C-alpha atoms as a PDB file:
ATOM      1  CA  MET A   1       3.260 -25.056  -8.587  1.00  0.00           C
ATOM      2  CA  LYS A   2       0.178 -24.018  -7.728  1.00  0.00           C
ATOM      3  CA  VAL A   3       0.820 -23.263  -3.823  1.00  0.00           C
ATOM      4  CA  ILE A   4       3.418 -21.445  -5.237  1.00  0.00           C
ATOM      5  CA  THR A   5       1.218 -19.053  -8.551  1.00  0.00           C
ATOM      6  CA  GLN A   6      -1.549 -18.959  -5.004  1.00  0.00           C
ATOM      7  CA  LEU A   7       1.484 -17.456  -3.000  1.00  0.00           C
ATOM      8  CA  GLY A   8       2.158 -15.307  -5.691  1.00  0.00           C
ATOM      9  CA  ILE A   9      -1.020 -13.693  -6.261  1.00  0.00           C
ATOM     10  CA  THR A  10      -2.561 -13.479  -2.151  1.00  0.00           C
ATOM     11  CA  ALA A  11       1.420 -11.673  -2.152  1.00  0.00           C
ATOM     12  CA  ALA A  12       0.359  -9.295  -5.129  1.00  0.00           C
ATOM     13  CA  LEU A  13      -2.317  -9.011  -3.559  1.00  0.00           C
ATOM     14  CA  VAL A  14      -1.828  -7.973   0.416  1.00  0.00           C
ATOM     15  CA  LEU A  15       0.877  -5.493  -0.687  1.00  0.00           C
ATOM     16  CA  SER A  16      -1.608  -3.354  -3.210  1.00  0.00           C
ATOM     17  CA  ALA A  17      -3.885  -3.314  -0.395  1.00  0.00           C
ATOM     18  CA  ALA A  18      -1.246  -1.790   1.129  1.00  0.00           C
ATOM     19  CA  ALA A  19      -0.077   0.586  -0.713  1.00  0.00           C
ATOM     20  CA  ALA A  20      -4.104   1.877  -1.620  1.00  0.00           C
ATOM     21  CA  SER A  21      -4.474   2.249   1.848  1.00  0.00           C
ATOM     22  CA  ALA A  22      -1.381   4.626   2.390  1.00  0.00           C
ATOM     23  CA  HIS A  23      -2.124   6.459  -1.061  1.00  0.00           C
ATOM     24  CA  HIS A  24      -6.018   7.199   0.965  1.00  0.00           C
ATOM     25  CA  SER A  25      -3.966   8.698   4.088  1.00  0.00           C
ATOM     26  CA  PHE A  26      -4.853  11.703   5.478  1.00  0.00           C
ATOM     27  CA  ALA A  27      -3.411  10.968   8.953  1.00  0.00           C
ATOM     28  CA  MET A  28      -0.234  13.414   7.748  1.00  0.00           C
ATOM     29  CA  PHE A  29      -3.567  16.682   8.345  1.00  0.00           C
ATOM     30  CA  ASP A  30      -4.745  18.184  11.128  1.00  0.00           C
ATOM     31  CA  LEU A  31      -8.017  17.643   9.654  1.00  0.00           C
ATOM     32  CA  GLY A  32      -9.732  19.410  13.021  1.00  0.00           C
ATOM     33  CA  LYS A  33      -7.942  23.024  12.070  1.00  0.00           C
ATOM     34  CA  ASP A  34      -8.659  25.065   9.317  1.00  0.00           C
ATOM     35  CA  VAL A  35      -6.330  27.170   8.133  1.00  0.00           C
ATOM     36  CA  THR A  36      -7.035  30.245   5.892  1.00  0.00           C
ATOM     37  CA  VAL A  37      -4.243  31.943   3.750  1.00  0.00           C
ATOM     38  CA  ASP A  38      -4.065  34.587   0.795  1.00  0.00           C
ATOM     39  CA  ALA A  39      -1.416  33.921  -1.659  1.00  0.00           C
ATOM     40  CA  VAL A  40       0.423  33.783  -4.814  1.00  0.00           C
ATOM     41  CA  ILE A  41       0.025  30.741  -7.474  1.00  0.00           C
ATOM     42  CA  LYS A  42       3.300  30.169  -8.289  1.00  0.00           C
ATOM     43  CA  GLU A  43       2.368  25.710 -10.109  1.00  0.00           C
ATOM     44  CA  VAL A  44      -0.510  23.837 -10.879  1.00  0.00           C
ATOM     45  CA  GLN A  45      -0.175  20.193 -11.213  1.00  0.00           C
ATOM     46  CA  PHE A  46      -2.894  19.045 -12.484  1.00  0.00           C
ATOM     47  CA  THR A  47      -2.219  15.154 -12.675  1.00  0.00           C
ATOM     48  CA  ASN A  48      -2.670  12.094 -11.390  1.00  0.00           C
ATOM     49  CA  PRO A  49      -2.857  10.795  -8.232  1.00  0.00           C
ATOM     50  CA  HIS A  50      -3.817  13.763  -6.965  1.00  0.00           C
ATOM     51  CA  VAL A  51      -4.806  18.049  -7.688  1.00  0.00           C
ATOM     52  CA  TRP A  52      -1.037  19.625  -6.366  1.00  0.00           C
ATOM     53  CA  LEU A  53      -1.375  23.794  -5.999  1.00  0.00           C
ATOM     54  CA  GLN A  54       2.291  25.471  -5.335  1.00  0.00           C
ATOM     55  CA  ILE A  55       1.836  28.823  -3.489  1.00  0.00           C
ATOM     56  CA  LEU A  56       3.542  31.924  -2.880  1.00  0.00           C
ATOM     57  CA  VAL A  57       2.363  33.444   1.511  1.00  0.00           C
ATOM     58  CA  LYS A  58       3.553  36.124   2.911  1.00  0.00           C
ATOM     59  CA  ASP A  59       4.096  35.959   6.494  1.00  0.00           C
ATOM     60  CA  ASP A  60       3.434  39.574   8.562  1.00  0.00           C
ATOM     61  CA  LYS A  61       6.928  40.399   7.998  1.00  0.00           C
ATOM     62  CA  GLY A  62       6.539  40.006   4.221  1.00  0.00           C
ATOM     63  CA  THR A  63       9.190  37.211   3.910  1.00  0.00           C
ATOM     64  CA  GLU A  64       7.758  34.441   0.804  1.00  0.00           C
ATOM     65  CA  THR A  65       6.935  30.218   1.537  1.00  0.00           C
ATOM     66  CA  GLU A  66       6.275  27.714  -0.672  1.00  0.00           C
ATOM     67  CA  TRP A  67       3.713  26.145   0.112  1.00  0.00           C
ATOM     68  CA  SER A  68       2.643  22.834  -0.920  1.00  0.00           C
ATOM     69  CA  ILE A  69      -1.164  21.655  -1.303  1.00  0.00           C
ATOM     70  CA  GLU A  70      -3.340  18.575  -1.746  1.00  0.00           C
ATOM     71  CA  SER A  71      -6.067  18.723  -3.754  1.00  0.00           C
ATOM     72  CA  GLY A  72      -8.646  15.946  -5.165  1.00  0.00           C
ATOM     73  CA  ALA A  73      -7.702  13.456  -8.051  1.00  0.00           C
ATOM     74  CA  PRO A  74      -8.350  15.025 -11.507  1.00  0.00           C
ATOM     75  CA  GLY A  75     -11.523  13.530 -12.320  1.00  0.00           C
ATOM     76  CA  MET A  76     -12.913  14.163  -9.455  1.00  0.00           C
ATOM     77  CA  MET A  77     -12.482  17.992  -9.974  1.00  0.00           C
ATOM     78  CA  LEU A  78     -13.358  18.323 -13.529  1.00  0.00           C
ATOM     79  CA  ARG A  79     -16.952  16.705 -12.146  1.00  0.00           C
ATOM     80  CA  ASN A  80     -17.017  19.266  -9.825  1.00  0.00           C
ATOM     81  CA  GLY A  81     -16.313  22.052 -11.586  1.00  0.00           C
ATOM     82  CA  TRP A  82     -12.659  22.704 -12.028  1.00  0.00           C
ATOM     83  CA  LYS A  83     -10.190  22.752 -15.249  1.00  0.00           C
ATOM     84  CA  PRO A  84      -6.187  22.519 -16.358  1.00  0.00           C
ATOM     85  CA  SER A  85      -6.651  26.083 -16.941  1.00  0.00           C
ATOM     86  CA  THR A  86      -8.936  27.106 -12.907  1.00  0.00           C
ATOM     87  CA  LEU A  87      -5.942  28.487 -11.338  1.00  0.00           C
ATOM     88  CA  LYS A  88      -2.735  30.315 -13.584  1.00  0.00           C
ATOM     89  CA  PRO A  89       0.837  31.043 -12.802  1.00  0.00           C
ATOM     90  CA  GLY A  90       0.624  34.659 -10.436  1.00  0.00           C
ATOM     91  CA  ASP A  91      -3.273  34.370  -9.185  1.00  0.00           C
ATOM     92  CA  LYS A  92      -4.204  35.675  -6.582  1.00  0.00           C
ATOM     93  CA  VAL A  93      -6.710  32.960  -4.005  1.00  0.00           C
ATOM     94  CA  THR A  94      -7.386  32.603  -0.693  1.00  0.00           C
ATOM     95  CA  LEU A  95      -7.621  29.562   0.307  1.00  0.00           C
ATOM     96  CA  THR A  96      -9.107  27.185   3.815  1.00  0.00           C
ATOM     97  CA  LEU A  97      -6.721  24.570   4.288  1.00  0.00           C
ATOM     98  CA  HIS A  98      -5.377  21.533   6.585  1.00  0.00           C
ATOM     99  CA  PRO A  99      -2.487  21.911   7.749  1.00  0.00           C
ATOM    100  CA  LEU A 100       0.387  19.601   8.082  1.00  0.00           C
ATOM    101  CA  ARG A 101       0.701  17.724  11.026  1.00  0.00           C
ATOM    102  CA  ASP A 102       4.444  18.579  11.779  1.00  0.00           C
ATOM    103  CA  GLY A 103       4.166  22.128  11.065  1.00  0.00           C
ATOM    104  CA  LYS A 104       5.298  22.507   7.280  1.00  0.00           C
ATOM    105  CA  SER A 105       4.430  24.579   4.939  1.00  0.00           C
ATOM    106  CA  GLY A 106       1.744  22.730   3.269  1.00  0.00           C
ATOM    107  CA  GLY A 107      -2.251  21.103   3.720  1.00  0.00           C
ATOM    108  CA  SER A 108      -4.467  19.930   2.360  1.00  0.00           C
ATOM    109  CA  LEU A 109      -7.811  21.545   0.458  1.00  0.00           C
ATOM    110  CA  VAL A 110     -10.723  22.353   1.807  1.00  0.00           C
ATOM    111  CA  LYS A 111     -11.475  25.593  -0.482  1.00  0.00           C
ATOM    112  CA  VAL A 112     -10.717  27.990  -2.108  1.00  0.00           C
ATOM    113  CA  ILE A 113     -11.915  31.624  -3.770  1.00  0.00           C
ATOM    114  CA  VAL A 114     -10.621  31.299  -7.447  1.00  0.00           C
ATOM    115  CA  PRO A 115      -9.729  34.580  -9.250  1.00  0.00           C
ATOM    116  CA  ASP A 116     -13.585  34.812 -10.570  1.00  0.00           C
ATOM    117  CA  GLY A 117     -14.724  35.021  -7.550  1.00  0.00           C
ATOM    118  CA  ARG A 118     -16.033  31.282  -7.469  1.00  0.00           C
ATOM    119  CA  THR A 119     -15.284  29.654  -4.314  1.00  0.00           C
ATOM    120  CA  LEU A 120     -14.773  25.371  -5.430  1.00  0.00           C
ATOM    121  CA  GLY A 121     -12.797  22.661  -3.097  1.00  0.00           C
ATOM    122  CA  PRO A 122     -11.217  20.359  -4.070  1.00  0.00           C
ATOM    123  CA  GLY A 123     -14.245  17.577  -4.516  1.00  0.00           C
ATOM    124  CA  ALA A 124     -17.301  19.191  -3.617  1.00  0.00           C
ATOM    125  CA  PRO A 125     -19.407  20.370  -5.937  1.00  0.00           C
ATOM    126  CA  PRO A 126     -18.547  24.369  -6.026  1.00  0.00           C
ATOM    127  CA  ALA A 127     -20.088  27.119  -3.402  1.00  0.00           C
ATOM    128  CA  ASN A 128     -21.177  29.550  -6.095  1.00  0.00           C
END
């Protein structure tokens, strides 16, 4: 019985470590490249485990595309100047992000100039 319990505990630890490792991977983002876009906020999902920004970006022809931008954990962002009300639908912003490696419309937030002029990142102290 002891062996079965120990095997169960070991399996649970191995599986949870794999899940934690996968959760914190940034392999899908090109961390060596920064892209800056002017956008309009469509939606802010200020929930665990990461805050997501849905933004609308116009291309050179005026065609609007929705992008999904991953940011930091809500608690980390709160400690660094963010509030759930910092960005609202319709706000015009300038974002810098690490793009998705597969070329799809999205990325990992580097920084954003919010409507009041401050520059905020996902986890770094506010620049202004």
